[in-house]
Amino acid sequence: MDDEYLRRLKEYEGRSATVKALGALTLAGWLWAAWLLLSSAGGDCGSPAFYAPGSFHLQEVCDSEVIGRIGGAVAVVLLTLPLCAAWIWTGLGLRARREELGVLLDR
């Protein structure tokens, strides 16, 4: 095997691991945001995604719980947007690296 090929293969494997890690972190963040919106906010409040304010004795508590959950979900999504961009960017770069490896292997 050519030293250049082995060096590029090792570089490709490192980038592949980076892409997988970025993807896993991004998806975990999005799942966490979905959980924040779809799970019960506590007590009789229900899910923030389907919350309809009414006139019951815990309305102020539920309003603050729901606002906190929605704010948390938005914050998680905003924090994972750079991870998503990096995931896409490195994934596209990975395709070019794979083509370079194919050229090196053919010679």
PDB file of N, CA and C in Angstrom:
ATOM      1  N   MET A   1       0.836  -1.184   0.000  1.00  0.00           N
ATOM      2  CA  MET A   1       0.000   0.000   0.000  1.00  0.00           C
ATOM      3  C   MET A   1       0.878   1.244   0.000  1.00  0.00           C
ATOM      4  N   ASP A   2       0.395   2.229  -0.635  1.00  0.00           N
ATOM      5  CA  ASP A   2       1.081   3.499  -0.745  1.00  0.00           C
ATOM      6  C   ASP A   2       0.921   4.291   0.563  1.00  0.00           C
ATOM      7  N   ASP A   3       1.999   4.947   0.986  1.00  0.00           N
ATOM      8  CA  ASP A   3       1.952   5.744   2.212  1.00  0.00           C
ATOM      9  C   ASP A   3       0.946   6.885   2.106  1.00  0.00           C
ATOM     10  N   GLU A   4       0.881   7.478   0.933  1.00  0.00           N
ATOM     11  CA  GLU A   4      -0.069   8.581   0.720  1.00  0.00           C
ATOM     12  C   GLU A   4      -1.503   8.088   0.892  1.00  0.00           C
ATOM     13  N   TYR A   5      -1.794   6.918   0.357  1.00  0.00           N
ATOM     14  CA  TYR A   5      -3.136   6.347   0.487  1.00  0.00           C
ATOM     15  C   TYR A   5      -3.470   6.070   1.945  1.00  0.00           C
ATOM     16  N   LEU A   6      -2.543   5.484   2.684  1.00  0.00           N
ATOM     17  CA  LEU A   6      -2.794   5.177   4.093  1.00  0.00           C
ATOM     18  C   LEU A   6      -2.994   6.454   4.910  1.00  0.00           C
ATOM     19  N   ARG A   7      -2.221   7.488   4.615  1.00  0.00           N
ATOM     20  CA  ARG A   7      -2.379   8.756   5.325  1.00  0.00           C
ATOM     21  C   ARG A   7      -3.747   9.369   5.042  1.00  0.00           C
ATOM     22  N   ARG A   8      -4.148   9.350   3.783  1.00  0.00           N
ATOM     23  CA  ARG A   8      -5.461   9.897   3.407  1.00  0.00           C
ATOM     24  C   ARG A   8      -6.594   9.050   3.969  1.00  0.00           C
ATOM     25  N   LEU A   9      -6.393   7.726   4.023  1.00  0.00           N
ATOM     26  CA  LEU A   9      -7.415   6.848   4.591  1.00  0.00           C
ATOM     27  C   LEU A   9      -7.619   7.146   6.072  1.00  0.00           C
ATOM     28  N   LYS A  10      -6.537   7.359   6.778  1.00  0.00           N
ATOM     29  CA  LYS A  10      -6.627   7.690   8.199  1.00  0.00           C
ATOM     30  C   LYS A  10      -7.320   9.039   8.392  1.00  0.00           C
ATOM     31  N   GLU A  11      -6.993   9.993   7.530  1.00  0.00           N
ATOM     32  CA  GLU A  11      -7.646  11.304   7.584  1.00  0.00           C
ATOM     33  C   GLU A  11      -9.141  11.174   7.298  1.00  0.00           C
ATOM     34  N   TYR A  12      -9.489  10.347   6.324  1.00  0.00           N
ATOM     35  CA  TYR A  12     -10.893  10.118   5.976  1.00  0.00           C
ATOM     36  C   TYR A  12     -11.646   9.480   7.144  1.00  0.00           C
ATOM     37  N   GLU A  13     -11.028   8.505   7.799  1.00  0.00           N
ATOM     38  CA  GLU A  13     -11.690   7.850   8.926  1.00  0.00           C
ATOM     39  C   GLU A  13     -11.913   8.830  10.076  1.00  0.00           C
ATOM     40  N   GLY A  14     -10.963   9.732  10.290  1.00  0.00           N
ATOM     41  CA  GLY A  14     -11.128  10.756  11.320  1.00  0.00           C
ATOM     42  C   GLY A  14     -12.265  11.708  10.999  1.00  0.00           C
ATOM     43  N   ARG A  15     -12.341  12.119   9.747  1.00  0.00           N
ATOM     44  CA  ARG A  15     -13.435  13.000   9.334  1.00  0.00           C
ATOM     45  C   ARG A  15     -14.770  12.277   9.408  1.00  0.00           C
ATOM     46  N   SER A  16     -14.780  11.009   9.080  1.00  0.00           N
ATOM     47  CA  SER A  16     -16.011  10.232   9.157  1.00  0.00           C
ATOM     48  C   SER A  16     -16.504  10.153  10.599  1.00  0.00           C
ATOM     49  N   ALA A  17     -15.599   9.969  11.529  1.00  0.00           N
ATOM     50  CA  ALA A  17     -15.983   9.935  12.944  1.00  0.00           C
ATOM     51  C   ALA A  17     -16.510  11.298  13.390  1.00  0.00           C
ATOM     52  N   THR A  18     -15.919  12.366  12.875  1.00  0.00           N
ATOM     53  CA  THR A  18     -16.390  13.713  13.206  1.00  0.00           C
ATOM     54  C   THR A  18     -17.805  13.934  12.688  1.00  0.00           C
ATOM     55  N   VAL A  19     -18.063  13.492  11.458  1.00  0.00           N
ATOM     56  CA  VAL A  19     -19.396  13.637  10.878  1.00  0.00           C
ATOM     57  C   VAL A  19     -20.415  12.863  11.709  1.00  0.00           C
ATOM     58  N   LYS A  20     -20.071  11.658  12.105  1.00  0.00           N
ATOM     59  CA  LYS A  20     -20.996  10.859  12.906  1.00  0.00           C
ATOM     60  C   LYS A  20     -21.255  11.495  14.261  1.00  0.00           C
ATOM     61  N   ALA A  21     -20.222  12.045  14.890  1.00  0.00           N
ATOM     62  CA  ALA A  21     -20.383  12.691  16.199  1.00  0.00           C
ATOM     63  C   ALA A  21     -21.242  13.951  16.081  1.00  0.00           C
ATOM     64  N   LEU A  22     -20.990  14.763  15.062  1.00  0.00           N
ATOM     65  CA  LEU A  22     -21.796  15.971  14.866  1.00  0.00           C
ATOM     66  C   LEU A  22     -23.255  15.619  14.584  1.00  0.00           C
ATOM     67  N   GLY A  23     -23.463  14.598  13.778  1.00  0.00           N
ATOM     68  CA  GLY A  23     -24.828  14.163  13.488  1.00  0.00           C
ATOM     69  C   GLY A  23     -25.538  13.655  14.724  1.00  0.00           C
ATOM     70  N   ALA A  24     -24.839  12.887  15.533  1.00  0.00           N
ATOM     71  CA  ALA A  24     -25.448  12.351  16.752  1.00  0.00           C
ATOM     72  C   ALA A  24     -25.796  13.475  17.725  1.00  0.00           C
ATOM     73  N   LEU A  25     -24.900  14.450  17.882  1.00  0.00           N
ATOM     74  CA  LEU A  25     -25.182  15.573  18.775  1.00  0.00           C
ATOM     75  C   LEU A  25     -26.346  16.418  18.268  1.00  0.00           C
ATOM     76  N   THR A  26     -26.397  16.637  16.974  1.00  0.00           N
ATOM     77  CA  THR A  26     -27.491  17.419  16.399  1.00  0.00           C
ATOM     78  C   THR A  26     -28.823  16.715  16.596  1.00  0.00           C
ATOM     79  N   LEU A  27     -28.879  15.440  16.260  1.00  0.00           N
ATOM     80  CA  LEU A  27     -30.127  14.705  16.414  1.00  0.00           C
ATOM     81  C   LEU A  27     -30.540  14.578  17.870  1.00  0.00           C
ATOM     82  N   ALA A  28     -29.578  14.403  18.764  1.00  0.00           N
ATOM     83  CA  ALA A  28     -29.904  14.341  20.194  1.00  0.00           C
ATOM     84  C   ALA A  28     -30.502  15.662  20.660  1.00  0.00           C
ATOM     85  N   GLY A  29     -29.959  16.771  20.189  1.00  0.00           N
ATOM     86  CA  GLY A  29     -30.512  18.075  20.545  1.00  0.00           C
ATOM     87  C   GLY A  29     -31.921  18.261  20.028  1.00  0.00           C
ATOM     88  N   TRP A  30     -32.155  17.847  18.798  1.00  0.00           N
ATOM     89  CA  TRP A  30     -33.502  17.984  18.238  1.00  0.00           C
ATOM     90  C   TRP A  30     -34.499  17.081  18.952  1.00  0.00           C
ATOM     91  N   LEU A  31     -34.078  15.879  19.312  1.00  0.00           N
ATOM     92  CA  LEU A  31     -34.966  14.991  20.069  1.00  0.00           C
ATOM     93  C   LEU A  31     -35.260  15.566  21.449  1.00  0.00           C
ATOM     94  N   TRP A  32     -34.271  16.180  22.063  1.00  0.00           N
ATOM     95  CA  TRP A  32     -34.474  16.807  23.368  1.00  0.00           C
ATOM     96  C   TRP A  32     -35.472  17.960  23.246  1.00  0.00           C
ATOM     97  N   ALA A  33     -35.344  18.769  22.211  1.00  0.00           N
ATOM     98  CA  ALA A  33     -36.282  19.877  21.995  1.00  0.00           C
ATOM     99  C   ALA A  33     -37.698  19.339  21.766  1.00  0.00           C
ATOM    100  N   ALA A  34     -37.827  18.273  20.994  1.00  0.00           N
ATOM    101  CA  ALA A  34     -39.146  17.677  20.769  1.00  0.00           C
ATOM    102  C   ALA A  34     -39.721  17.134  22.079  1.00  0.00           C
ATOM    103  N   TRP A  35     -38.872  16.527  22.900  1.00  0.00           N
ATOM    104  CA  TRP A  35     -39.333  16.018  24.185  1.00  0.00           C
ATOM    105  C   TRP A  35     -39.817  17.168  25.071  1.00  0.00           C
ATOM    106  N   LEU A  36     -39.083  18.292  25.052  1.00  0.00           N
ATOM    107  CA  LEU A  36     -39.505  19.443  25.846  1.00  0.00           C
ATOM    108  C   LEU A  36     -40.879  19.948  25.424  1.00  0.00           C
ATOM    109  N   LEU A  37     -41.167  19.883  24.148  1.00  0.00           N
ATOM    110  CA  LEU A  37     -42.452  20.380  23.659  1.00  0.00           C
ATOM    111  C   LEU A  37     -43.589  19.375  23.812  1.00  0.00           C
ATOM    112  N   LEU A  38     -43.283  18.098  23.694  1.00  0.00           N
ATOM    113  CA  LEU A  38     -44.357  17.107  23.660  1.00  0.00           C
ATOM    114  C   LEU A  38     -44.641  16.429  24.999  1.00  0.00           C
ATOM    115  N   SER A  39     -43.707  16.484  25.924  1.00  0.00           N
ATOM    116  CA  SER A  39     -43.954  15.840  27.215  1.00  0.00           C
ATOM    117  C   SER A  39     -44.733  16.781  28.125  1.00  0.00           C
ATOM    118  N   SER A  40     -45.330  16.226  29.123  1.00  0.00           N
ATOM    119  CA  SER A  40     -46.149  16.997  30.042  1.00  0.00           C
ATOM    120  C   SER A  40     -45.289  17.985  30.826  1.00  0.00           C
ATOM    121  N   ALA A  41     -45.795  19.190  30.970  1.00  0.00           N
ATOM    122  CA  ALA A  41     -45.058  20.237  31.683  1.00  0.00           C
ATOM    123  C   ALA A  41     -45.213  20.107  33.187  1.00  0.00           C
ATOM    124  N   GLY A  42     -45.951  19.143  33.629  1.00  0.00           N
ATOM    125  CA  GLY A  42     -46.107  18.897  35.061  1.00  0.00           C
ATOM    126  C   GLY A  42     -47.532  19.110  35.528  1.00  0.00           C
ATOM    127  N   GLY A  43     -47.954  18.224  36.402  1.00  0.00           N
ATOM    128  CA  GLY A  43     -49.295  18.352  36.987  1.00  0.00           C
ATOM    129  C   GLY A  43     -50.401  18.259  35.965  1.00  0.00           C
ATOM    130  N   ASP A  44     -51.317  19.206  36.036  1.00  0.00           N
ATOM    131  CA  ASP A  44     -52.475  19.236  35.134  1.00  0.00           C
ATOM    132  C   ASP A  44     -52.235  20.088  33.894  1.00  0.00           C
ATOM    133  N   CYS A  45     -51.001  20.510  33.676  1.00  0.00           N
ATOM    134  CA  CYS A  45     -50.717  21.455  32.592  1.00  0.00           C
ATOM    135  C   CYS A  45     -50.766  20.809  31.210  1.00  0.00           C
ATOM    136  N   GLY A  46     -50.296  19.600  31.079  1.00  0.00           N
ATOM    137  CA  GLY A  46     -50.265  18.939  29.783  1.00  0.00           C
ATOM    138  C   GLY A  46     -49.049  19.345  28.971  1.00  0.00           C
ATOM    139  N   SER A  47     -49.079  19.015  27.711  1.00  0.00           N
ATOM    140  CA  SER A  47     -47.963  19.258  26.809  1.00  0.00           C
ATOM    141  C   SER A  47     -47.944  20.711  26.348  1.00  0.00           C
ATOM    142  N   PRO A  48     -46.761  21.340  26.295  1.00  0.00           N
ATOM    143  CA  PRO A  48     -46.689  22.714  25.788  1.00  0.00           C
ATOM    144  C   PRO A  48     -47.130  22.839  24.331  1.00  0.00           C
ATOM    145  N   ALA A  49     -46.964  21.784  23.542  1.00  0.00           N
ATOM    146  CA  ALA A  49     -47.345  21.850  22.136  1.00  0.00           C
ATOM    147  C   ALA A  49     -48.859  21.954  21.968  1.00  0.00           C
ATOM    148  N   PHE A  50     -49.604  21.404  22.906  1.00  0.00           N
ATOM    149  CA  PHE A  50     -51.064  21.375  22.793  1.00  0.00           C
ATOM    150  C   PHE A  50     -51.734  22.155  23.917  1.00  0.00           C
ATOM    151  N   TYR A  51     -50.996  23.061  24.537  1.00  0.00           N
ATOM    152  CA  TYR A  51     -51.510  23.799  25.692  1.00  0.00           C
ATOM    153  C   TYR A  51     -52.500  24.855  25.251  1.00  0.00           C
ATOM    154  N   ALA A  52     -53.636  24.862  25.878  1.00  0.00           N
ATOM    155  CA  ALA A  52     -54.646  25.885  25.635  1.00  0.00           C
ATOM    156  C   ALA A  52     -54.962  26.533  26.980  1.00  0.00           C
ATOM    157  N   PRO A  53     -54.583  27.798  27.148  1.00  0.00           N
ATOM    158  CA  PRO A  53     -54.837  28.432  28.436  1.00  0.00           C
ATOM    159  C   PRO A  53     -56.330  28.487  28.732  1.00  0.00           C
ATOM    160  N   GLY A  54     -56.648  28.161  29.927  1.00  0.00           N
ATOM    161  CA  GLY A  54     -58.046  28.171  30.347  1.00  0.00           C
ATOM    162  C   GLY A  54     -58.170  28.872  31.678  1.00  0.00           C
ATOM    163  N   SER A  55     -59.307  28.819  32.221  1.00  0.00           N
ATOM    164  CA  SER A  55     -59.519  29.466  33.517  1.00  0.00           C
ATOM    165  C   SER A  55     -59.636  28.380  34.574  1.00  0.00           C
ATOM    166  N   PHE A  56     -58.506  27.909  35.033  1.00  0.00           N
ATOM    167  CA  PHE A  56     -58.509  26.948  36.124  1.00  0.00           C
ATOM    168  C   PHE A  56     -57.528  27.421  37.175  1.00  0.00           C
ATOM    169  N   HIS A  57     -57.525  26.794  38.303  1.00  0.00           N
ATOM    170  CA  HIS A  57     -56.804  27.305  39.463  1.00  0.00           C
ATOM    171  C   HIS A  57     -55.287  27.309  39.312  1.00  0.00           C
ATOM    172  N   LEU A  58     -54.700  26.555  38.385  1.00  0.00           N
ATOM    173  CA  LEU A  58     -53.253  26.500  38.206  1.00  0.00           C
ATOM    174  C   LEU A  58     -52.777  27.217  36.942  1.00  0.00           C
ATOM    175  N   GLN A  59     -53.593  28.129  36.426  1.00  0.00           N
ATOM    176  CA  GLN A  59     -53.261  28.741  35.140  1.00  0.00           C
ATOM    177  C   GLN A  59     -51.929  29.483  35.175  1.00  0.00           C
ATOM    178  N   GLU A  60     -51.638  30.248  36.209  1.00  0.00           N
ATOM    179  CA  GLU A  60     -50.389  30.999  36.261  1.00  0.00           C
ATOM    180  C   GLU A  60     -49.181  30.070  36.338  1.00  0.00           C
ATOM    181  N   VAL A  61     -49.295  29.010  37.112  1.00  0.00           N
ATOM    182  CA  VAL A  61     -48.202  28.040  37.228  1.00  0.00           C
ATOM    183  C   VAL A  61     -47.980  27.341  35.897  1.00  0.00           C
ATOM    184  N   CYS A  62     -49.080  26.927  35.265  1.00  0.00           N
ATOM    185  CA  CYS A  62     -48.968  26.235  33.974  1.00  0.00           C
ATOM    186  C   CYS A  62     -48.416  27.163  32.895  1.00  0.00           C
ATOM    187  N   ASP A  63     -48.853  28.417  32.904  1.00  0.00           N
ATOM    188  CA  ASP A  63     -48.342  29.367  31.917  1.00  0.00           C
ATOM    189  C   ASP A  63     -46.830  29.507  32.040  1.00  0.00           C
ATOM    190  N   SER A  64     -46.328  29.638  33.248  1.00  0.00           N
ATOM    191  CA  SER A  64     -44.882  29.796  33.425  1.00  0.00           C
ATOM    192  C   SER A  64     -44.138  28.509  33.061  1.00  0.00           C
ATOM    193  N   GLU A  65     -44.696  27.354  33.387  1.00  0.00           N
ATOM    194  CA  GLU A  65     -44.071  26.074  33.015  1.00  0.00           C
ATOM    195  C   GLU A  65     -44.002  25.918  31.502  1.00  0.00           C
ATOM    196  N   VAL A  66     -45.103  26.235  30.835  1.00  0.00           N
ATOM    197  CA  VAL A  66     -45.161  26.090  29.377  1.00  0.00           C
ATOM    198  C   VAL A  66     -44.214  27.073  28.706  1.00  0.00           C
ATOM    199  N   ILE A  67     -44.176  28.308  29.174  1.00  0.00           N
ATOM    200  CA  ILE A  67     -43.268  29.299  28.600  1.00  0.00           C
ATOM    201  C   ILE A  67     -41.822  28.852  28.788  1.00  0.00           C
ATOM    202  N   GLY A  68     -41.506  28.307  29.947  1.00  0.00           N
ATOM    203  CA  GLY A  68     -40.148  27.811  30.191  1.00  0.00           C
ATOM    204  C   GLY A  68     -39.788  26.658  29.286  1.00  0.00           C
ATOM    205  N   ARG A  69     -40.729  25.743  29.085  1.00  0.00           N
ATOM    206  CA  ARG A  69     -40.467  24.596  28.203  1.00  0.00           C
ATOM    207  C   ARG A  69     -40.278  25.034  26.759  1.00  0.00           C
ATOM    208  N   ILE A  70     -41.126  25.936  26.287  1.00  0.00           N
ATOM    209  CA  ILE A  70     -41.002  26.407  24.899  1.00  0.00           C
ATOM    210  C   ILE A  70     -39.693  27.175  24.724  1.00  0.00           C
ATOM    211  N   GLY A  71     -39.350  28.018  25.694  1.00  0.00           N
ATOM    212  CA  GLY A  71     -38.080  28.744  25.630  1.00  0.00           C
ATOM    213  C   GLY A  71     -36.883  27.810  25.636  1.00  0.00           C
ATOM    214  N   GLY A  72     -36.960  26.746  26.436  1.00  0.00           N
ATOM    215  CA  GLY A  72     -35.883  25.760  26.465  1.00  0.00           C
ATOM    216  C   GLY A  72     -35.736  25.039  25.135  1.00  0.00           C
ATOM    217  N   ALA A  73     -36.868  24.692  24.528  1.00  0.00           N
ATOM    218  CA  ALA A  73     -36.830  23.997  23.238  1.00  0.00           C
ATOM    219  C   ALA A  73     -36.237  24.898  22.150  1.00  0.00           C
ATOM    220  N   VAL A  74     -36.623  26.164  22.154  1.00  0.00           N
ATOM    221  CA  VAL A  74     -36.085  27.106  21.166  1.00  0.00           C
ATOM    222  C   VAL A  74     -34.581  27.278  21.377  1.00  0.00           C
ATOM    223  N   ALA A  75     -34.166  27.373  22.630  1.00  0.00           N
ATOM    224  CA  ALA A  75     -32.736  27.527  22.922  1.00  0.00           C
ATOM    225  C   ALA A  75     -31.938  26.313  22.451  1.00  0.00           C
ATOM    226  N   VAL A  76     -32.467  25.118  22.679  1.00  0.00           N
ATOM    227  CA  VAL A  76     -31.765  23.900  22.243  1.00  0.00           C
ATOM    228  C   VAL A  76     -31.644  23.869  20.725  1.00  0.00           C
ATOM    229  N   VAL A  77     -32.709  24.217  20.035  1.00  0.00           N
ATOM    230  CA  VAL A  77     -32.666  24.219  18.564  1.00  0.00           C
ATOM    231  C   VAL A  77     -31.666  25.266  18.064  1.00  0.00           C
ATOM    232  N   LEU A  78     -31.663  26.441  18.668  1.00  0.00           N
ATOM    233  CA  LEU A  78     -30.713  27.473  18.239  1.00  0.00           C
ATOM    234  C   LEU A  78     -29.271  27.069  18.519  1.00  0.00           C
ATOM    235  N   LEU A  79     -29.043  26.381  19.621  1.00  0.00           N
ATOM    236  CA  LEU A  79     -27.687  25.933  19.928  1.00  0.00           C
ATOM    237  C   LEU A  79     -27.227  24.800  19.017  1.00  0.00           C
ATOM    238  N   THR A  80     -28.153  24.014  18.486  1.00  0.00           N
ATOM    239  CA  THR A  80     -27.762  22.913  17.612  1.00  0.00           C
ATOM    240  C   THR A  80     -27.673  23.326  16.140  1.00  0.00           C
ATOM    241  N   LEU A  81     -28.090  24.527  15.804  1.00  0.00           N
ATOM    242  CA  LEU A  81     -27.976  24.964  14.402  1.00  0.00           C
ATOM    243  C   LEU A  81     -26.524  25.013  13.922  1.00  0.00           C
ATOM    244  N   PRO A  82     -25.566  25.539  14.709  1.00  0.00           N
ATOM    245  CA  PRO A  82     -24.173  25.462  14.250  1.00  0.00           C
ATOM    246  C   PRO A  82     -23.679  24.021  14.112  1.00  0.00           C
ATOM    247  N   LEU A  83     -24.131  23.135  15.004  1.00  0.00           N
ATOM    248  CA  LEU A  83     -23.756  21.725  14.868  1.00  0.00           C
ATOM    249  C   LEU A  83     -24.299  21.138  13.581  1.00  0.00           C
ATOM    250  N   CYS A  84     -25.527  21.511  13.251  1.00  0.00           N
ATOM    251  CA  CYS A  84     -26.140  21.025  12.009  1.00  0.00           C
ATOM    252  C   CYS A  84     -25.368  21.534  10.797  1.00  0.00           C
ATOM    253  N   ALA A  85     -24.992  22.807  10.815  1.00  0.00           N
ATOM    254  CA  ALA A  85     -24.224  23.367   9.699  1.00  0.00           C
ATOM    255  C   ALA A  85     -22.873  22.671   9.574  1.00  0.00           C
ATOM    256  N   ALA A  86     -22.219  22.427  10.705  1.00  0.00           N
ATOM    257  CA  ALA A  86     -20.930  21.729  10.671  1.00  0.00           C
ATOM    258  C   ALA A  86     -21.107  20.292  10.189  1.00  0.00           C
ATOM    259  N   TRP A  87     -22.196  19.661  10.577  1.00  0.00           N
ATOM    260  CA  TRP A  87     -22.499  18.290  10.148  1.00  0.00           C
ATOM    261  C   TRP A  87     -22.628  18.243   8.629  1.00  0.00           C
ATOM    262  N   ILE A  88     -23.397  19.168   8.088  1.00  0.00           N
ATOM    263  CA  ILE A  88     -23.587  19.204   6.631  1.00  0.00           C
ATOM    264  C   ILE A  88     -22.276  19.540   5.920  1.00  0.00           C
ATOM    265  N   TRP A  89     -21.554  20.537   6.436  1.00  0.00           N
ATOM    266  CA  TRP A  89     -20.306  20.975   5.799  1.00  0.00           C
ATOM    267  C   TRP A  89     -19.271  19.849   5.776  1.00  0.00           C
ATOM    268  N   THR A  90     -19.072  19.182   6.899  1.00  0.00           N
ATOM    269  CA  THR A  90     -18.084  18.107   6.929  1.00  0.00           C
ATOM    270  C   THR A  90     -18.574  16.893   6.147  1.00  0.00           C
ATOM    271  N   GLY A  91     -19.868  16.678   6.110  1.00  0.00           N
ATOM    272  CA  GLY A  91     -20.408  15.581   5.307  1.00  0.00           C
ATOM    273  C   GLY A  91     -20.165  15.789   3.824  1.00  0.00           C
ATOM    274  N   LEU A  92     -20.316  17.035   3.370  1.00  0.00           N
ATOM    275  CA  LEU A  92     -20.033  17.330   1.967  1.00  0.00           C
ATOM    276  C   LEU A  92     -18.548  17.203   1.667  1.00  0.00           C
ATOM    277  N   GLY A  93     -17.711  17.629   2.603  1.00  0.00           N
ATOM    278  CA  GLY A  93     -16.268  17.487   2.423  1.00  0.00           C
ATOM    279  C   GLY A  93     -15.834  16.036   2.423  1.00  0.00           C
ATOM    280  N   LEU A  94     -16.576  15.213   3.148  1.00  0.00           N
ATOM    281  CA  LEU A  94     -16.259  13.792   3.223  1.00  0.00           C
ATOM    282  C   LEU A  94     -16.430  13.122   1.860  1.00  0.00           C
ATOM    283  N   ARG A  95     -17.410  13.569   1.114  1.00  0.00           N
ATOM    284  CA  ARG A  95     -17.629  13.000  -0.220  1.00  0.00           C
ATOM    285  C   ARG A  95     -16.433  13.267  -1.126  1.00  0.00           C
ATOM    286  N   ALA A  96     -15.884  14.479  -1.055  1.00  0.00           N
ATOM    287  CA  ALA A  96     -14.711  14.817  -1.860  1.00  0.00           C
ATOM    288  C   ALA A  96     -13.506  13.982  -1.437  1.00  0.00           C
ATOM    289  N   ARG A  97     -13.354  13.767  -0.139  1.00  0.00           N
ATOM    290  CA  ARG A  97     -12.245  12.941   0.358  1.00  0.00           C
ATOM    291  C   ARG A  97     -12.377  11.494  -0.116  1.00  0.00           C
ATOM    292  N   ARG A  98     -13.605  11.003  -0.165  1.00  0.00           N
ATOM    293  CA  ARG A  98     -13.834   9.642  -0.628  1.00  0.00           C
ATOM    294  C   ARG A  98     -13.454   9.510  -2.100  1.00  0.00           C
ATOM    295  N   GLU A  99     -13.762  10.517  -2.909  1.00  0.00           N
ATOM    296  CA  GLU A  99     -13.387  10.503  -4.321  1.00  0.00           C
ATOM    297  C   GLU A  99     -11.865  10.538  -4.468  1.00  0.00           C
ATOM    298  N   GLU A 100     -11.184  11.336  -3.635  1.00  0.00           N
ATOM    299  CA  GLU A 100      -9.730  11.368  -3.682  1.00  0.00           C
ATOM    300  C   GLU A 100      -9.130  10.007  -3.324  1.00  0.00           C
ATOM    301  N   LEU A 101      -9.721   9.336  -2.372  1.00  0.00           N
ATOM    302  CA  LEU A 101      -9.241   8.001  -2.008  1.00  0.00           C
ATOM    303  C   LEU A 101      -9.431   7.031  -3.164  1.00  0.00           C
ATOM    304  N   GLY A 102     -10.561   7.148  -3.853  1.00  0.00           N
ATOM    305  CA  GLY A 102     -10.791   6.278  -4.999  1.00  0.00           C
ATOM    306  C   GLY A 102      -9.778   6.497  -6.100  1.00  0.00           C
ATOM    307  N   VAL A 103      -9.397   7.741  -6.327  1.00  0.00           N
ATOM    308  CA  VAL A 103      -8.380   8.045  -7.344  1.00  0.00           C
ATOM    309  C   VAL A 103      -7.034   7.482  -6.917  1.00  0.00           C
ATOM    310  N   LEU A 104      -6.680   7.634  -5.652  1.00  0.00           N
ATOM    311  CA  LEU A 104      -5.397   7.119  -5.164  1.00  0.00           C
ATOM    312  C   LEU A 104      -5.343   5.584  -5.232  1.00  0.00           C
ATOM    313  N   LEU A 105      -6.479   4.963  -4.992  1.00  0.00           N
ATOM    314  CA  LEU A 105      -6.528   3.502  -5.012  1.00  0.00           C
ATOM    315  C   LEU A 105      -6.390   2.956  -6.432  1.00  0.00           C
ATOM    316  N   ASP A 106      -6.905   3.714  -7.413  1.00  0.00           N
ATOM    317  CA  ASP A 106      -6.872   3.248  -8.799  1.00  0.00           C
ATOM    318  C   ASP A 106      -5.500   3.359  -9.450  1.00  0.00           C
ATOM    319  N   ARG A 107      -4.625   4.201  -8.907  1.00  0.00           N
ATOM    320  CA  ARG A 107      -3.338   4.354  -9.591  1.00  0.00           C
ATOM    321  C   ARG A 107      -2.341   3.320  -9.240  1.00  0.00           C
TER     322      ARG A 107
END
